[in-house]
Amino acid sequence: MKFINKTNPKLVTENLKKIAYLLSGFLLTGLGIIGAFLPVMPTTVFLIGAVFCFSRSSQRFEYWLLNHPRFGKTLRNWQTYGAISKPVKIMASLGMVIGYGLFYLGAQPSLLLACAVALFMAACAYYVASRPLPK
């Protein structure tokens, strides 16, 4: 007698994707929460990633993040317009400067590494600064 697998492989794949997105959303939310308390670690970028993951796995958690009293407006501005408000741009840039300063003082990197990290952070700061302001 032949074994007949009645499970739809596409359905299994979709369910696995959904679970992976859901778990990734929780991981990114956790990293965002940690980032809210650590000046060197970003918050919003992780929450943007979490919204992306939840949009593909859980409308309930996506709604929760998009309507969060502290982060919801920033996340909605990004999702709708790709926009970053001026105070958030300032905070992000300041966080990068502080983060670089802590890196430089704490790690005492070689000149090459210090320049590479500075260049990377400058590129990130430029990207943040170049985003439009919310309407």
N, C-alpha and C. Protein backbone atom coordinates (compact mmCIF):
# COMPACT_ATOMS: atom_id res chain seq x y z
N MET A 1 0.84 -1.18 0.00
CA MET A 1 0.00 0.00 0.00
C MET A 1 0.89 1.25 0.00
N LYS A 2 0.56 2.16 -0.87
CA LYS A 2 1.33 3.38 -0.99
C LYS A 2 0.92 4.39 0.08
N PHE A 3 1.93 5.10 0.62
CA PHE A 3 1.63 6.17 1.57
C PHE A 3 1.22 7.41 0.78
N ILE A 4 0.08 7.94 1.09
CA ILE A 4 -0.42 9.12 0.39
C ILE A 4 -0.34 10.31 1.35
N ASN A 5 0.43 11.28 0.96
CA ASN A 5 0.55 12.49 1.76
C ASN A 5 -0.50 13.48 1.26
N LYS A 6 -1.49 13.73 2.10
CA LYS A 6 -2.58 14.64 1.70
C LYS A 6 -2.30 16.09 2.08
N THR A 7 -1.15 16.33 2.67
CA THR A 7 -0.81 17.68 3.06
C THR A 7 -0.36 18.47 1.84
N ASN A 8 -0.89 19.64 1.72
CA ASN A 8 -0.53 20.52 0.62
C ASN A 8 0.84 21.16 0.92
N PRO A 9 1.86 20.87 0.10
CA PRO A 9 3.19 21.43 0.35
C PRO A 9 3.22 22.95 0.36
N LYS A 10 2.40 23.59 -0.47
CA LYS A 10 2.36 25.06 -0.49
C LYS A 10 1.83 25.59 0.84
N LEU A 11 0.82 24.93 1.38
CA LEU A 11 0.23 25.34 2.66
C LEU A 11 1.25 25.19 3.78
N VAL A 12 1.99 24.09 3.76
CA VAL A 12 3.02 23.87 4.78
C VAL A 12 4.09 24.95 4.68
N THR A 13 4.53 25.25 3.46
CA THR A 13 5.54 26.29 3.25
C THR A 13 5.03 27.64 3.73
N GLU A 14 3.80 27.97 3.40
CA GLU A 14 3.22 29.25 3.83
C GLU A 14 3.14 29.34 5.35
N ASN A 15 2.74 28.24 6.00
CA ASN A 15 2.65 28.23 7.46
C ASN A 15 4.04 28.39 8.09
N LEU A 16 5.04 27.74 7.52
CA LEU A 16 6.40 27.87 8.03
C LEU A 16 6.92 29.30 7.87
N LYS A 17 6.61 29.91 6.72
CA LYS A 17 6.99 31.31 6.50
C LYS A 17 6.33 32.21 7.54
N LYS A 18 5.06 31.98 7.77
CA LYS A 18 4.31 32.79 8.73
C LYS A 18 4.91 32.67 10.13
N ILE A 19 5.26 31.45 10.51
CA ILE A 19 5.86 31.22 11.82
C ILE A 19 7.23 31.91 11.90
N ALA A 20 8.01 31.80 10.83
CA ALA A 20 9.33 32.44 10.80
C ALA A 20 9.20 33.96 10.91
N TYR A 21 8.24 34.54 10.18
CA TYR A 21 8.01 35.98 10.27
C TYR A 21 7.55 36.37 11.67
N LEU A 22 6.68 35.58 12.26
CA LEU A 22 6.17 35.87 13.60
C LEU A 22 7.31 35.84 14.62
N LEU A 23 8.12 34.80 14.58
CA LEU A 23 9.25 34.70 15.51
C LEU A 23 10.26 35.82 15.29
N SER A 24 10.50 36.16 14.03
CA SER A 24 11.40 37.27 13.72
C SER A 24 10.84 38.59 14.25
N GLY A 25 9.53 38.76 14.12
CA GLY A 25 8.88 39.96 14.64
C GLY A 25 9.05 40.09 16.14
N PHE A 26 8.89 38.98 16.85
CA PHE A 26 9.09 39.01 18.31
C PHE A 26 10.55 39.30 18.67
N LEU A 27 11.48 38.68 17.94
CA LEU A 27 12.90 38.91 18.19
C LEU A 27 13.25 40.39 17.97
N LEU A 28 12.79 40.93 16.84
CA LEU A 28 13.07 42.33 16.54
C LEU A 28 12.40 43.28 17.54
N THR A 29 11.21 42.94 17.99
CA THR A 29 10.54 43.75 19.01
C THR A 29 11.35 43.73 20.30
N GLY A 30 11.83 42.55 20.68
CA GLY A 30 12.66 42.44 21.87
C GLY A 30 13.93 43.27 21.76
N LEU A 31 14.59 43.22 20.60
CA LEU A 31 15.79 44.03 20.38
C LEU A 31 15.45 45.52 20.42
N GLY A 32 14.29 45.89 19.89
CA GLY A 32 13.85 47.29 19.95
C GLY A 32 13.61 47.75 21.37
N ILE A 33 13.03 46.88 22.19
CA ILE A 33 12.80 47.22 23.60
C ILE A 33 14.14 47.41 24.32
N ILE A 34 15.08 46.52 24.06
CA ILE A 34 16.41 46.66 24.65
C ILE A 34 17.04 47.97 24.20
N GLY A 35 16.88 48.27 22.91
CA GLY A 35 17.44 49.51 22.36
C GLY A 35 16.84 50.76 22.97
N ALA A 36 15.63 50.66 23.49
CA ALA A 36 15.01 51.83 24.13
C ALA A 36 15.74 52.21 25.41
N PHE A 37 16.45 51.25 26.00
CA PHE A 37 17.14 51.50 27.26
C PHE A 37 18.65 51.65 27.10
N LEU A 38 19.20 51.22 25.97
CA LEU A 38 20.63 51.33 25.74
C LEU A 38 20.90 52.42 24.70
N PRO A 39 21.71 53.42 25.05
CA PRO A 39 21.93 54.52 24.12
C PRO A 39 22.68 54.13 22.84
N VAL A 40 23.44 53.04 22.88
CA VAL A 40 24.24 52.65 21.73
C VAL A 40 23.43 51.84 20.72
N MET A 41 22.36 51.24 21.18
CA MET A 41 21.58 50.34 20.32
C MET A 41 20.33 51.05 19.80
N PRO A 42 20.06 50.95 18.51
CA PRO A 42 18.88 51.62 17.97
C PRO A 42 17.58 50.94 18.40
N THR A 43 16.51 51.68 18.37
CA THR A 43 15.20 51.13 18.71
C THR A 43 14.33 51.04 17.46
N THR A 44 14.18 52.18 16.80
CA THR A 44 13.22 52.29 15.71
C THR A 44 13.50 51.33 14.57
N VAL A 45 14.76 51.15 14.20
CA VAL A 45 15.07 50.28 13.07
C VAL A 45 14.61 48.84 13.36
N PHE A 46 14.76 48.40 14.60
CA PHE A 46 14.30 47.06 14.95
C PHE A 46 12.77 46.99 14.92
N LEU A 47 12.11 48.06 15.38
CA LEU A 47 10.65 48.06 15.38
C LEU A 47 10.09 48.15 13.95
N ILE A 48 10.80 48.85 13.08
CA ILE A 48 10.39 48.88 11.67
C ILE A 48 10.46 47.47 11.09
N GLY A 49 11.53 46.78 11.39
CA GLY A 49 11.66 45.38 10.96
C GLY A 49 10.57 44.50 11.56
N ALA A 50 10.23 44.75 12.82
CA ALA A 50 9.17 43.98 13.47
C ALA A 50 7.82 44.21 12.79
N VAL A 51 7.52 45.46 12.46
CA VAL A 51 6.26 45.76 11.76
C VAL A 51 6.23 45.03 10.42
N PHE A 52 7.35 45.04 9.71
CA PHE A 52 7.45 44.33 8.44
C PHE A 52 7.12 42.85 8.64
N CYS A 53 7.74 42.25 9.64
CA CYS A 53 7.51 40.81 9.89
C CYS A 53 6.07 40.54 10.33
N PHE A 54 5.55 41.37 11.22
CA PHE A 54 4.18 41.16 11.69
C PHE A 54 3.15 41.40 10.58
N SER A 55 3.48 42.28 9.62
CA SER A 55 2.55 42.52 8.52
C SER A 55 2.38 41.26 7.67
N ARG A 56 3.33 40.35 7.78
CA ARG A 56 3.26 39.09 7.03
C ARG A 56 2.86 37.90 7.89
N SER A 57 2.61 38.16 9.18
CA SER A 57 2.31 37.03 10.05
C SER A 57 1.18 37.26 11.05
N SER A 58 1.03 38.49 11.56
CA SER A 58 0.04 38.73 12.60
C SER A 58 -0.48 40.15 12.54
N GLN A 59 -1.70 40.30 12.07
CA GLN A 59 -2.30 41.63 12.01
C GLN A 59 -2.45 42.22 13.41
N ARG A 60 -2.67 41.38 14.40
CA ARG A 60 -2.85 41.84 15.77
C ARG A 60 -1.59 42.54 16.29
N PHE A 61 -0.43 41.91 16.10
CA PHE A 61 0.81 42.51 16.58
C PHE A 61 1.25 43.69 15.72
N GLU A 62 0.96 43.63 14.43
CA GLU A 62 1.25 44.77 13.57
C GLU A 62 0.44 45.98 14.04
N TYR A 63 -0.84 45.77 14.31
CA TYR A 63 -1.72 46.84 14.79
C TYR A 63 -1.20 47.38 16.12
N TRP A 64 -0.78 46.47 17.01
CA TRP A 64 -0.29 46.87 18.32
C TRP A 64 0.92 47.81 18.18
N LEU A 65 1.87 47.45 17.32
CA LEU A 65 3.05 48.30 17.15
C LEU A 65 2.70 49.63 16.47
N LEU A 66 1.88 49.56 15.43
CA LEU A 66 1.54 50.78 14.70
C LEU A 66 0.71 51.75 15.54
N ASN A 67 0.09 51.27 16.59
CA ASN A 67 -0.72 52.12 17.45
C ASN A 67 -0.13 52.27 18.85
N HIS A 68 1.13 51.89 18.99
CA HIS A 68 1.81 52.02 20.28
C HIS A 68 1.90 53.51 20.63
N PRO A 69 1.62 53.88 21.90
CA PRO A 69 1.63 55.30 22.26
C PRO A 69 2.98 55.99 22.06
N ARG A 70 4.07 55.27 22.22
CA ARG A 70 5.40 55.89 22.12
C ARG A 70 5.99 55.80 20.71
N PHE A 71 5.84 54.66 20.06
CA PHE A 71 6.52 54.42 18.79
C PHE A 71 5.59 54.38 17.58
N GLY A 72 4.28 54.33 17.80
CA GLY A 72 3.33 54.15 16.71
C GLY A 72 3.40 55.20 15.63
N LYS A 73 3.46 56.46 16.03
CA LYS A 73 3.47 57.54 15.03
C LYS A 73 4.71 57.46 14.14
N THR A 74 5.86 57.21 14.76
CA THR A 74 7.10 57.09 14.00
C THR A 74 7.02 55.93 13.02
N LEU A 75 6.49 54.81 13.48
CA LEU A 75 6.38 53.62 12.62
C LEU A 75 5.39 53.85 11.49
N ARG A 76 4.28 54.50 11.78
CA ARG A 76 3.30 54.79 10.72
C ARG A 76 3.87 55.75 9.68
N ASN A 77 4.62 56.77 10.14
CA ASN A 77 5.25 57.71 9.21
C ASN A 77 6.22 56.99 8.28
N TRP A 78 6.97 56.06 8.83
CA TRP A 78 7.92 55.31 8.01
C TRP A 78 7.16 54.41 7.03
N GLN A 79 6.16 53.70 7.53
CA GLN A 79 5.43 52.75 6.69
C GLN A 79 4.67 53.46 5.57
N THR A 80 4.10 54.60 5.86
CA THR A 80 3.27 55.29 4.88
C THR A 80 4.09 56.15 3.91
N TYR A 81 5.05 56.90 4.45
CA TYR A 81 5.76 57.89 3.63
C TYR A 81 7.27 57.63 3.50
N GLY A 82 7.81 56.67 4.25
CA GLY A 82 9.26 56.51 4.29
C GLY A 82 9.90 57.72 4.96
N ALA A 83 9.14 58.35 5.86
CA ALA A 83 9.54 59.62 6.45
C ALA A 83 10.03 59.46 7.89
N ILE A 84 10.96 60.36 8.26
CA ILE A 84 11.49 60.40 9.61
C ILE A 84 11.38 61.84 10.10
N SER A 85 10.78 62.04 11.27
CA SER A 85 10.60 63.39 11.80
C SER A 85 11.95 63.99 12.22
N LYS A 86 11.98 65.31 12.31
CA LYS A 86 13.21 66.00 12.65
C LYS A 86 13.76 65.59 14.03
N PRO A 87 12.92 65.51 15.07
CA PRO A 87 13.46 65.08 16.37
C PRO A 87 14.05 63.66 16.32
N VAL A 88 13.44 62.78 15.56
CA VAL A 88 13.96 61.41 15.45
C VAL A 88 15.28 61.41 14.69
N LYS A 89 15.38 62.24 13.65
CA LYS A 89 16.65 62.35 12.92
C LYS A 89 17.76 62.83 13.85
N ILE A 90 17.44 63.82 14.67
CA ILE A 90 18.43 64.36 15.60
C ILE A 90 18.84 63.30 16.62
N MET A 91 17.86 62.60 17.17
CA MET A 91 18.16 61.56 18.17
C MET A 91 18.98 60.43 17.55
N ALA A 92 18.63 60.04 16.34
CA ALA A 92 19.36 58.96 15.67
C ALA A 92 20.81 59.38 15.41
N SER A 93 20.98 60.58 14.92
CA SER A 93 22.34 61.07 14.64
C SER A 93 23.14 61.21 15.93
N LEU A 94 22.52 61.73 16.96
CA LEU A 94 23.18 61.86 18.25
C LEU A 94 23.55 60.48 18.81
N GLY A 95 22.65 59.53 18.67
CA GLY A 95 22.94 58.16 19.11
C GLY A 95 24.13 57.57 18.37
N MET A 96 24.23 57.85 17.07
CA MET A 96 25.37 57.35 16.29
C MET A 96 26.67 58.00 16.74
N VAL A 97 26.63 59.29 17.03
CA VAL A 97 27.84 59.98 17.49
C VAL A 97 28.27 59.43 18.85
N ILE A 98 27.32 59.28 19.76
CA ILE A 98 27.64 58.72 21.09
C ILE A 98 28.14 57.29 20.94
N GLY A 99 27.47 56.51 20.11
CA GLY A 99 27.89 55.13 19.88
C GLY A 99 29.30 55.05 19.33
N TYR A 100 29.61 55.92 18.38
CA TYR A 100 30.96 55.92 17.82
C TYR A 100 31.98 56.33 18.88
N GLY A 101 31.64 57.34 19.66
CA GLY A 101 32.55 57.78 20.72
C GLY A 101 32.83 56.66 21.73
N LEU A 102 31.79 55.95 22.13
CA LEU A 102 31.97 54.83 23.05
C LEU A 102 32.81 53.72 22.41
N PHE A 103 32.54 53.45 21.15
CA PHE A 103 33.33 52.45 20.42
C PHE A 103 34.80 52.85 20.37
N TYR A 104 35.05 54.10 20.01
CA TYR A 104 36.43 54.57 19.85
C TYR A 104 37.18 54.54 21.18
N LEU A 105 36.54 55.03 22.24
CA LEU A 105 37.19 55.06 23.55
C LEU A 105 37.32 53.66 24.15
N GLY A 106 36.31 52.84 23.97
CA GLY A 106 36.31 51.52 24.58
C GLY A 106 37.17 50.51 23.86
N ALA A 107 37.13 50.52 22.54
CA ALA A 107 37.86 49.51 21.76
C ALA A 107 39.26 49.97 21.37
N GLN A 108 39.49 51.27 21.37
CA GLN A 108 40.75 51.84 20.91
C GLN A 108 41.20 51.14 19.61
N PRO A 109 40.38 51.29 18.57
CA PRO A 109 40.63 50.57 17.32
C PRO A 109 41.83 51.12 16.55
N SER A 110 42.28 50.32 15.61
CA SER A 110 43.33 50.80 14.71
C SER A 110 42.75 51.93 13.86
N LEU A 111 43.62 52.68 13.25
CA LEU A 111 43.18 53.81 12.42
C LEU A 111 42.27 53.33 11.29
N LEU A 112 42.62 52.21 10.68
CA LEU A 112 41.82 51.68 9.57
C LEU A 112 40.42 51.30 10.04
N LEU A 113 40.32 50.59 11.15
CA LEU A 113 39.01 50.19 11.68
C LEU A 113 38.21 51.40 12.12
N ALA A 114 38.86 52.35 12.80
CA ALA A 114 38.18 53.57 13.25
C ALA A 114 37.59 54.33 12.06
N CYS A 115 38.36 54.42 10.98
CA CYS A 115 37.89 55.12 9.77
C CYS A 115 36.76 54.35 9.10
N ALA A 116 36.88 53.03 9.04
CA ALA A 116 35.83 52.21 8.41
C ALA A 116 34.52 52.34 9.17
N VAL A 117 34.57 52.28 10.49
CA VAL A 117 33.35 52.41 11.30
C VAL A 117 32.79 53.83 11.17
N ALA A 118 33.65 54.83 11.19
CA ALA A 118 33.21 56.21 11.03
C ALA A 118 32.52 56.41 9.67
N LEU A 119 33.09 55.82 8.63
CA LEU A 119 32.50 55.93 7.29
C LEU A 119 31.13 55.25 7.24
N PHE A 120 31.04 54.07 7.84
CA PHE A 120 29.76 53.35 7.88
C PHE A 120 28.71 54.16 8.64
N MET A 121 29.08 54.70 9.79
CA MET A 121 28.12 55.49 10.58
C MET A 121 27.74 56.78 9.86
N ALA A 122 28.71 57.38 9.18
CA ALA A 122 28.40 58.60 8.41
C ALA A 122 27.41 58.28 7.29
N ALA A 123 27.58 57.14 6.63
CA ALA A 123 26.65 56.74 5.57
C ALA A 123 25.25 56.51 6.16
N CYS A 124 25.19 55.89 7.33
CA CYS A 124 23.89 55.67 7.99
C CYS A 124 23.25 57.00 8.38
N ALA A 125 24.05 57.91 8.92
CA ALA A 125 23.54 59.23 9.30
C ALA A 125 23.04 59.99 8.07
N TYR A 126 23.77 59.88 6.97
CA TYR A 126 23.34 60.53 5.73
C TYR A 126 21.99 59.96 5.27
N TYR A 127 21.85 58.65 5.33
CA TYR A 127 20.60 58.02 4.93
C TYR A 127 19.44 58.53 5.78
N VAL A 128 19.64 58.55 7.09
CA VAL A 128 18.59 59.04 8.00
C VAL A 128 18.25 60.49 7.68
N ALA A 129 19.28 61.32 7.52
CA ALA A 129 19.05 62.74 7.24
C ALA A 129 18.38 62.99 5.88
N SER A 130 18.60 62.08 4.93
CA SER A 130 18.04 62.27 3.58
C SER A 130 16.59 61.84 3.46
N ARG A 131 16.05 61.17 4.45
CA ARG A 131 14.65 60.76 4.39
C ARG A 131 13.75 61.98 4.49
N PRO A 132 12.60 61.93 3.83
CA PRO A 132 11.70 63.09 3.89
C PRO A 132 11.10 63.27 5.29
N LEU A 133 10.64 64.48 5.54
CA LEU A 133 9.92 64.76 6.79
C LEU A 133 8.47 64.31 6.62
N PRO A 134 7.81 63.91 7.70
CA PRO A 134 6.40 63.50 7.58
C PRO A 134 5.52 64.67 7.15
N LYS A 135 4.42 64.33 6.51
CA LYS A 135 3.48 65.37 6.04
C LYS A 135 2.60 65.81 7.18
